[in-house]
């Protein structure tokens, strides 16, 4: 999935930005998200593509800690997840 593809079923908004963190171990996916989330408009969705099992739980925890919204996590057909985060501030 890239930023030009449609959002997964059940998502109301396509991602404004897709971060490809496939093959990277935590905390790299979270660091990439933290560095790039401010480049999208408020209330926009950032999709983090990750296959490290720690990212599946750590990114939603980061969202709670930083007051962003974990929208959903979608399994990717090849491996890993697309973890959708809504920028709240």
Protein backbone atom coordinates (compact mmCIF):
# COMPACT_ATOMS: atom_id res chain seq x y z
CA UNK A 1 0.00 0.00 0.00
CA UNK A 2 1.31 3.44 -0.88
CA UNK A 3 -0.09 6.88 -0.24
CA UNK A 4 -1.83 6.75 -3.62
CA UNK A 5 -3.80 3.57 -2.91
CA UNK A 6 -7.26 3.35 -1.41
CA UNK A 7 -7.72 2.93 2.32
CA UNK A 8 -8.56 -0.54 3.64
CA UNK A 9 -12.20 -1.50 4.06
CA UNK A 10 -13.74 0.16 7.11
CA UNK A 11 -11.47 3.19 6.99
CA UNK A 12 -13.22 6.49 6.42
CA UNK A 13 -10.22 8.43 5.15
CA UNK A 14 -7.22 7.44 3.03
CA UNK A 15 -3.79 8.09 4.54
CA UNK A 16 -2.24 11.48 3.81
CA UNK A 17 1.17 9.87 4.36
CA UNK A 18 2.45 6.29 4.35
CA UNK A 19 5.63 5.48 6.23
CA UNK A 20 7.32 2.27 5.07
CA UNK A 21 8.99 0.78 8.15
CA UNK A 22 8.84 -2.82 6.90
CA UNK A 23 11.95 -4.71 7.95
CA UNK A 24 12.80 -2.19 10.67
CA UNK A 25 12.84 -3.16 14.34
CA UNK A 26 11.26 -1.10 17.10
CA UNK A 27 11.74 1.65 18.05
CA UNK A 28 12.57 2.72 14.46
CA UNK A 29 8.91 2.68 13.22
CA UNK A 30 7.89 4.92 16.15
CA UNK A 31 10.84 7.24 15.56
CA UNK A 32 9.89 7.52 11.88
CA UNK A 33 6.27 8.29 12.86
CA UNK A 34 7.31 10.89 15.44
CA UNK A 35 9.59 12.62 12.92
CA UNK A 36 6.96 12.78 10.16
CA UNK A 37 3.52 13.15 11.79
CA UNK A 38 3.76 16.95 11.91
CA UNK A 39 4.10 17.08 8.11
CA UNK A 40 0.45 16.10 7.60
CA UNK A 41 -2.54 18.37 8.32
CA UNK A 42 -4.44 18.14 11.60
CA UNK A 43 -6.87 15.18 11.63
CA UNK A 44 -5.05 13.55 8.71
CA UNK A 45 -4.16 9.86 8.77
CA UNK A 46 -0.61 8.51 8.74
CA UNK A 47 -0.23 4.83 7.85
CA UNK A 48 2.82 3.10 9.29
CA UNK A 49 3.70 -0.12 7.48
CA UNK A 50 5.51 -2.36 9.95
CA UNK A 51 6.24 -6.05 10.38
CA UNK A 52 7.96 -6.01 13.77
CA UNK A 53 5.44 -7.45 16.28
CA UNK A 54 6.51 -4.82 18.83
CA UNK A 55 5.26 -2.05 16.50
CA UNK A 56 1.77 -3.59 16.53
CA UNK A 57 1.43 -2.80 20.25
CA UNK A 58 3.97 0.00 20.67
CA UNK A 59 2.52 2.41 18.08
CA UNK A 60 -0.98 2.42 19.69
CA UNK A 61 0.72 2.92 23.09
CA UNK A 62 2.73 5.83 21.64
CA UNK A 63 -0.55 7.32 20.37
CA UNK A 64 -2.05 7.23 23.88
CA UNK A 65 1.12 8.73 25.35
CA UNK A 66 1.30 11.53 22.75
CA UNK A 67 -2.48 12.18 22.51
CA UNK A 68 -2.82 11.09 18.89
CA UNK A 69 -5.53 8.63 17.84
CA UNK A 70 -4.83 5.04 16.83
CA UNK A 71 -7.52 4.57 14.19
CA UNK A 72 -6.97 0.89 13.38
CA UNK A 73 -4.41 -1.71 12.39
CA UNK A 74 -4.89 -3.68 9.18
CA UNK A 75 -3.06 -6.88 8.25
CA UNK A 76 -1.05 -6.55 5.06
CA UNK A 77 -1.33 -9.40 2.55
CA UNK A 78 2.44 -9.90 2.27
CA UNK A 79 3.34 -9.49 5.98
CA UNK A 80 2.93 -7.06 8.83
CA UNK A 81 0.36 -4.32 9.33
CA UNK A 82 -0.73 -0.90 8.18
CA UNK A 83 -1.16 0.96 11.46
CA UNK A 84 -3.30 4.06 10.98
CA UNK A 85 -2.76 7.07 13.25
CA UNK A 86 -4.78 10.30 13.19
CA UNK A 87 -2.83 13.48 13.97
CA UNK A 88 -4.65 15.29 16.80
CA UNK A 89 -2.44 18.38 17.22
